[in-house]
C-alpha atoms as a PDB file:
ATOM      1  CA  UNK A   1      89.423 110.501  46.943  1.00  0.00           C
ATOM      2  CA  UNK A   2      87.255 107.822  48.843  1.00  0.00           C
ATOM      3  CA  UNK A   3      90.282 105.333  48.875  1.00  0.00           C
ATOM      4  CA  UNK A   4      92.209 108.042  50.816  1.00  0.00           C
ATOM      5  CA  UNK A   5      89.531 108.517  53.259  1.00  0.00           C
ATOM      6  CA  UNK A   6      89.141 104.907  54.343  1.00  0.00           C
ATOM      7  CA  UNK A   7      92.620 104.403  55.676  1.00  0.00           C
ATOM      8  CA  UNK A   8      92.367 107.689  57.531  1.00  0.00           C
ATOM      9  CA  UNK A   9      89.114 106.685  59.082  1.00  0.00           C
ATOM     10  CA  UNK A  10      90.571 103.273  60.160  1.00  0.00           C
ATOM     11  CA  UNK A  11      93.675 105.104  61.684  1.00  0.00           C
ATOM     12  CA  UNK A  12      91.415 107.436  63.640  1.00  0.00           C
ATOM     13  CA  UNK A  13      89.348 104.574  64.888  1.00  0.00           C
ATOM     14  CA  UNK A  14      92.516 102.730  66.005  1.00  0.00           C
ATOM     15  CA  UNK A  15      93.860 105.791  67.750  1.00  0.00           C
ATOM     16  CA  UNK A  16      90.643 106.361  69.593  1.00  0.00           C
ATOM     17  CA  UNK A  17      90.504 102.887  70.709  1.00  0.00           C
ATOM     18  CA  UNK A  18      94.115 103.078  71.885  1.00  0.00           C
ATOM     19  CA  UNK A  19      93.510 106.211  73.944  1.00  0.00           C
ATOM     20  CA  UNK A  20      90.333 104.707  75.376  1.00  0.00           C
ATOM     21  CA  UNK A  21      92.437 101.668  76.750  1.00  0.00           C
ATOM     22  CA  UNK A  22      94.928 104.002  78.279  1.00  0.00           C
ATOM     23  CA  UNK A  23      92.318 106.017  79.966  1.00  0.00           C
ATOM     24  CA  UNK A  24      90.622 102.907  81.399  1.00  0.00           C
ATOM     25  CA  UNK A  25      93.989 101.761  82.713  1.00  0.00           C
ATOM     26  CA  UNK A  26      94.997 105.022  84.137  1.00  0.00           C
ATOM     27  CA  UNK A  27      91.590 106.386  85.170  1.00  0.00           C
ATOM     28  CA  UNK A  28      92.170 108.321  88.304  1.00  0.00           C
ATOM     29  CA  UNK A  29      89.033 107.979  90.638  1.00  0.00           C
ATOM     30  CA  UNK A  30      86.913 105.670  92.448  1.00  0.00           C
ATOM     31  CA  UNK A  31      86.462 102.750  90.219  1.00  0.00           C
ATOM     32  CA  UNK A  32      84.612 100.158  92.326  1.00  0.00           C
ATOM     33  CA  UNK A  33      83.729  97.451  89.815  1.00  0.00           C
ATOM     34  CA  UNK A  34      85.682  94.118  89.992  1.00  0.00           C
ATOM     35  CA  UNK A  35      86.698  93.135  86.591  1.00  0.00           C
ATOM     36  CA  UNK A  36      88.154  90.053  85.300  1.00  0.00           C
ATOM     37  CA  UNK A  37      85.188  88.328  83.811  1.00  0.00           C
ATOM     38  CA  UNK A  38      84.670  84.669  83.273  1.00  0.00           C
ATOM     39  CA  UNK A  39      85.928  82.377  86.077  1.00  0.00           C
ATOM     40  CA  UNK A  40      87.258  84.598  88.811  1.00  0.00           C
ATOM     41  CA  UNK A  41      87.932  83.160  92.209  1.00  0.00           C
ATOM     42  CA  UNK A  42      87.331  86.445  94.259  1.00  0.00           C
ATOM     43  CA  UNK A  43      84.415  87.905  95.975  1.00  0.00           C
ATOM     44  CA  UNK A  44      83.790  91.783  96.044  1.00  0.00           C
ATOM     45  CA  UNK A  45      82.153  92.947  99.321  1.00  0.00           C
ATOM     46  CA  UNK A  46      79.828  95.980  99.743  1.00  0.00           C
ATOM     47  CA  UNK A  47      83.058  98.040 100.725  1.00  0.00           C
ATOM     48  CA  UNK A  48      84.611  97.439  97.272  1.00  0.00           C
ATOM     49  CA  UNK A  49      87.232  95.208  98.594  1.00  0.00           C
ATOM     50  CA  UNK A  50      87.708  91.959  96.665  1.00  0.00           C
ATOM     51  CA  UNK A  51      89.133  89.043  98.618  1.00  0.00           C
ATOM     52  CA  UNK A  52      90.132  85.461  97.735  1.00  0.00           C
ATOM     53  CA  UNK A  53      90.018  82.481 100.114  1.00  0.00           C
ATOM     54  CA  UNK A  54      93.406  81.359 101.156  1.00  0.00           C
ATOM     55  CA  UNK A  55      93.277  77.963  99.362  1.00  0.00           C
ATOM     56  CA  UNK A  56      92.155  79.651  96.031  1.00  0.00           C
ATOM     57  CA  UNK A  57      94.862  82.318  95.784  1.00  0.00           C
ATOM     58  CA  UNK A  58      97.254  82.750  92.739  1.00  0.00           C
ATOM     59  CA  UNK A  59     100.880  83.706  92.796  1.00  0.00           C
ATOM     60  CA  UNK A  60     101.557  87.324  92.607  1.00  0.00           C
ATOM     61  CA  UNK A  61     103.421  88.288  89.425  1.00  0.00           C
ATOM     62  CA  UNK A  62     107.151  89.271  89.563  1.00  0.00           C
ATOM     63  CA  UNK A  63     107.118  92.879  90.413  1.00  0.00           C
ATOM     64  CA  UNK A  64     110.584  94.564  90.404  1.00  0.00           C
ATOM     65  CA  UNK A  65     112.332  97.609  89.228  1.00  0.00           C
ATOM     66  CA  UNK A  66     114.144 100.648  90.566  1.00  0.00           C
ATOM     67  CA  UNK A  67     112.827 102.814  93.469  1.00  0.00           C
ATOM     68  CA  UNK A  68     112.411 106.676  93.373  1.00  0.00           C
ATOM     69  CA  UNK A  69     115.619 106.658  95.315  1.00  0.00           C
ATOM     70  CA  UNK A  70     117.469 104.712  92.571  1.00  0.00           C
ATOM     71  CA  UNK A  71     117.800 101.331  94.463  1.00  0.00           C
ATOM     72  CA  UNK A  72     116.725  97.961  93.084  1.00  0.00           C
ATOM     73  CA  UNK A  73     113.625  96.398  94.551  1.00  0.00           C
ATOM     74  CA  UNK A  74     112.047  92.900  94.100  1.00  0.00           C
ATOM     75  CA  UNK A  75     108.757  92.450  95.963  1.00  0.00           C
ATOM     76  CA  UNK A  76     109.650  88.638  96.269  1.00  0.00           C
ATOM     77  CA  UNK A  77     112.318  89.656  98.732  1.00  0.00           C
ATOM     78  CA  UNK A  78     109.503  90.454 101.124  1.00  0.00           C
ATOM     79  CA  UNK A  79     107.991  86.901 100.967  1.00  0.00           C
ATOM     80  CA  UNK A  80     106.998  85.936 104.552  1.00  0.00           C
ATOM     81  CA  UNK A  81     105.557  89.380 105.169  1.00  0.00           C
ATOM     82  CA  UNK A  82     102.065  90.767 104.155  1.00  0.00           C
ATOM     83  CA  UNK A  83     102.967  93.066 101.289  1.00  0.00           C
ATOM     84  CA  UNK A  84     100.492  96.111 100.569  1.00  0.00           C
ATOM     85  CA  UNK A  85     101.004  97.295  96.955  1.00  0.00           C
ATOM     86  CA  UNK A  86      99.726 100.791  96.290  1.00  0.00           C
ATOM     87  CA  UNK A  87      99.505 101.832  92.756  1.00  0.00           C
ATOM     88  CA  UNK A  88      99.634 105.654  92.504  1.00  0.00           C
ATOM     89  CA  UNK A  89     100.575 108.734  90.544  1.00  0.00           C
ATOM     90  CA  UNK A  90     101.407 112.148  91.654  1.00  0.00           C
ATOM     91  CA  UNK A  91      98.799 113.646  89.046  1.00  0.00           C
ATOM     92  CA  UNK A  92      95.922 111.638  90.845  1.00  0.00           C
ATOM     93  CA  UNK A  93      93.668 113.451  93.385  1.00  0.00           C
ATOM     94  CA  UNK A  94      92.508 110.344  95.255  1.00  0.00           C
ATOM     95  CA  UNK A  95      96.077 109.346  95.621  1.00  0.00           C
ATOM     96  CA  UNK A  96      96.900 112.533  97.445  1.00  0.00           C
ATOM     97  CA  UNK A  97      93.831 111.925  99.622  1.00  0.00           C
ATOM     98  CA  UNK A  98      94.959 108.437 100.703  1.00  0.00           C
ATOM     99  CA  UNK A  99      98.610 109.059 101.099  1.00  0.00           C
ATOM    100  CA  UNK A 100      98.724 110.070 104.706  1.00  0.00           C
ATOM    101  CA  UNK A 101      96.451 107.056 105.600  1.00  0.00           C
ATOM    102  CA  UNK A 102      98.839 104.639 103.899  1.00  0.00           C
ATOM    103  CA  UNK A 103     101.829 106.175 105.684  1.00  0.00           C
ATOM    104  CA  UNK A 104     100.024 106.010 109.107  1.00  0.00           C
ATOM    105  CA  UNK A 105      99.004 102.301 108.765  1.00  0.00           C
ATOM    106  CA  UNK A 106     102.525 101.468 107.330  1.00  0.00           C
ATOM    107  CA  UNK A 107     104.013 102.671 110.559  1.00  0.00           C
ATOM    108  CA  UNK A 108     101.318 101.080 112.829  1.00  0.00           C
ATOM    109  CA  UNK A 109     101.814  97.628 111.230  1.00  0.00           C
ATOM    110  CA  UNK A 110     105.505  97.548 110.490  1.00  0.00           C
ATOM    111  CA  UNK A 111     106.159  95.496 113.564  1.00  0.00           C
ATOM    112  CA  UNK A 112     103.376  92.966 112.619  1.00  0.00           C
ATOM    113  CA  UNK A 113     105.158  91.717 109.522  1.00  0.00           C
ATOM    114  CA  UNK A 114     103.663  94.074 106.984  1.00  0.00           C
ATOM    115  CA  UNK A 115     105.590  95.794 104.185  1.00  0.00           C
ATOM    116  CA  UNK A 116     104.168  98.598 102.038  1.00  0.00           C
ATOM    117  CA  UNK A 117     105.515  99.150  98.473  1.00  0.00           C
ATOM    118  CA  UNK A 118     104.242 101.943  96.115  1.00  0.00           C
ATOM    119  CA  UNK A 119     104.132 101.465  92.450  1.00  0.00           C
ATOM    120  CA  UNK A 120     104.467 104.988  90.870  1.00  0.00           C
ATOM    121  CA  UNK A 121     102.982 104.990  87.449  1.00  0.00           C
ATOM    122  CA  UNK A 122     102.263 107.381  84.617  1.00  0.00           C
ATOM    123  CA  UNK A 123     104.504 110.026  86.065  1.00  0.00           C
ATOM    124  CA  UNK A 124     106.717 111.387  83.148  1.00  0.00           C
ATOM    125  CA  UNK A 125     109.381 112.758  85.447  1.00  0.00           C
ATOM    126  CA  UNK A 126     110.574 111.031  88.566  1.00  0.00           C
ATOM    127  CA  UNK A 127     110.835 114.432  90.426  1.00  0.00           C
ATOM    128  CA  UNK A 128     107.006 114.666  90.466  1.00  0.00           C
ATOM    129  CA  UNK A 129     106.836 111.466  92.303  1.00  0.00           C
ATOM    130  CA  UNK A 130     109.715 112.237  94.640  1.00  0.00           C
ATOM    131  CA  UNK A 131     108.045 115.705  95.441  1.00  0.00           C
ATOM    132  CA  UNK A 132     104.717 113.918  96.198  1.00  0.00           C
ATOM    133  CA  UNK A 133     106.373 111.556  98.768  1.00  0.00           C
ATOM    134  CA  UNK A 134     108.180 114.363 100.412  1.00  0.00           C
ATOM    135  CA  UNK A 135     104.902 116.467 100.534  1.00  0.00           C
ATOM    136  CA  UNK A 136     102.951 113.574 102.220  1.00  0.00           C
ATOM    137  CA  UNK A 137     105.785 112.159 104.332  1.00  0.00           C
ATOM    138  CA  UNK A 138     105.799 108.780 102.670  1.00  0.00           C
ATOM    139  CA  UNK A 139     108.656 106.738 103.875  1.00  0.00           C
ATOM    140  CA  UNK A 140     108.201 103.286 102.384  1.00  0.00           C
ATOM    141  CA  UNK A 141     109.748 102.562  99.032  1.00  0.00           C
ATOM    142  CA  UNK A 142     107.988 103.034  95.650  1.00  0.00           C
ATOM    143  CA  UNK A 143     108.963 101.450  92.396  1.00  0.00           C
ATOM    144  CA  UNK A 144     109.210 103.955  89.472  1.00  0.00           C
ATOM    145  CA  UNK A 145     107.054 102.609  86.705  1.00  0.00           C
ATOM    146  CA  UNK A 146     106.319 105.465  84.247  1.00  0.00           C
ATOM    147  CA  UNK A 147     104.901 103.298  81.444  1.00  0.00           C
ATOM    148  CA  UNK A 148     102.727 101.147  83.620  1.00  0.00           C
ATOM    149  CA  UNK A 149     104.436  97.843  82.676  1.00  0.00           C
ATOM    150  CA  UNK A 150     104.096  96.405  86.049  1.00  0.00           C
ATOM    151  CA  UNK A 151     100.287  96.758  85.962  1.00  0.00           C
ATOM    152  CA  UNK A 152     100.341  94.667  82.853  1.00  0.00           C
ATOM    153  CA  UNK A 153     102.100  91.749  84.636  1.00  0.00           C
ATOM    154  CA  UNK A 154      98.920  90.689  86.561  1.00  0.00           C
ATOM    155  CA  UNK A 155      97.069  87.880  84.775  1.00  0.00           C
ATOM    156  CA  UNK A 156      93.399  88.729  83.679  1.00  0.00           C
ATOM    157  CA  UNK A 157      90.891  87.111  85.993  1.00  0.00           C
ATOM    158  CA  UNK A 158      93.045  87.790  89.085  1.00  0.00           C
ATOM    159  CA  UNK A 159      93.143  90.611  91.537  1.00  0.00           C
ATOM    160  CA  UNK A 160      94.811  92.868  89.031  1.00  0.00           C
ATOM    161  CA  UNK A 161      94.999  96.671  89.428  1.00  0.00           C
ATOM    162  CA  UNK A 162      92.538  98.271  86.929  1.00  0.00           C
ATOM    163  CA  UNK A 163      92.700 102.018  88.030  1.00  0.00           C
ATOM    164  CA  UNK A 164      94.840 104.552  89.660  1.00  0.00           C
ATOM    165  CA  UNK A 165      94.678 104.366  92.693  1.00  0.00           C
ATOM    166  CA  UNK A 166      94.525 100.538  93.146  1.00  0.00           C
ATOM    167  CA  UNK A 167      95.667  98.594  96.133  1.00  0.00           C
ATOM    168  CA  UNK A 168      96.643  94.846  96.016  1.00  0.00           C
ATOM    169  CA  UNK A 169      97.509  92.857  99.085  1.00  0.00           C
ATOM    170  CA  UNK A 170      99.776  89.909  98.949  1.00  0.00           C
ATOM    171  CA  UNK A 171      99.780  87.278 101.724  1.00  0.00           C
ATOM    172  CA  UNK A 172     102.871  85.915 103.448  1.00  0.00           C
ATOM    173  CA  UNK A 173     103.044  83.114 100.817  1.00  0.00           C
ATOM    174  CA  UNK A 174     103.488  85.507  97.912  1.00  0.00           C
ATOM    175  CA  UNK A 175      99.862  85.035  96.686  1.00  0.00           C
ATOM    176  CA  UNK A 176      97.253  87.692  95.674  1.00  0.00           C
ATOM    177  CA  UNK A 177      94.677  88.005  98.670  1.00  0.00           C
ATOM    178  CA  UNK A 178      92.819  91.261  98.440  1.00  0.00           C
ATOM    179  CA  UNK A 179      92.235  94.240  96.160  1.00  0.00           C
ATOM    180  CA  UNK A 180      90.506  97.571  95.914  1.00  0.00           C
ATOM    181  CA  UNK A 181      90.068  99.885  93.042  1.00  0.00           C
ATOM    182  CA  UNK A 182      89.195 102.965  95.069  1.00  0.00           C
ATOM    183  CA  UNK A 183      91.086 105.247  97.503  1.00  0.00           C
ATOM    184  CA  UNK A 184      91.084 104.150 101.175  1.00  0.00           C
ATOM    185  CA  UNK A 185      91.207 105.828 104.406  1.00  0.00           C
ATOM    186  CA  UNK A 186      93.090 104.225 107.435  1.00  0.00           C
ATOM    187  CA  UNK A 187      90.052 102.318 108.682  1.00  0.00           C
ATOM    188  CA  UNK A 188      89.189 100.697 105.341  1.00  0.00           C
ATOM    189  CA  UNK A 189      92.874  99.766 104.836  1.00  0.00           C
ATOM    190  CA  UNK A 190      93.051  98.123 108.211  1.00  0.00           C
ATOM    191  CA  UNK A 191      89.830  96.120 107.370  1.00  0.00           C
ATOM    192  CA  UNK A 192      91.585  94.927 104.177  1.00  0.00           C
ATOM    193  CA  UNK A 193      94.907  93.955 105.784  1.00  0.00           C
ATOM    194  CA  UNK A 194      94.087  92.886 109.439  1.00  0.00           C
ATOM    195  CA  UNK A 195      92.582  89.501 108.419  1.00  0.00           C
ATOM    196  CA  UNK A 196      95.751  88.725 106.500  1.00  0.00           C
ATOM    197  CA  UNK A 197      98.043  89.693 109.523  1.00  0.00           C
ATOM    198  CA  UNK A 198      95.902  87.370 111.557  1.00  0.00           C
ATOM    199  CA  UNK A 199      96.538  84.425 109.184  1.00  0.00           C
ATOM    200  CA  UNK A 200      98.781  81.816 110.365  1.00  0.00           C
END
């Protein structure tokens, strides 16, 4: 009897650990702690926005896939622009709250060399994400990433997205420059990207 119980207990513990890991990765809400541990090269301000000095930035990982409209998209094609990556899900309340702000700022900054790209994650059906974008008038492209594989391409200790929503900004050289793990309004979003627009 006891020999049968031990494997079951181990399996239950492993399953609980796996579920906890998924919840941390897909936690929808206002996580403000900058993770990464060890030797990170970024500073997190009181606003919850983490930034990296220009000379200390690391290359953004390869982020590519198919958009919600079925087109191929590779973020490296936007090198030379400031790229705002917004990690979101239609199931996420804070994502709904920030969507109109992201659309507004994407329109305001389009002629300043800024490209917005959404990364839609954890939506089991593409139609849920498409309806979200229609409801909130989002016109910039989003890569459909239902399993969250693109989130895992960010190296630990960098400005990696650790919650939904997260926003990561890539500078004109294709390097990770800023990140927040909380929903943003238009004002906070501009505070995050305006210094990168101004960089030469």
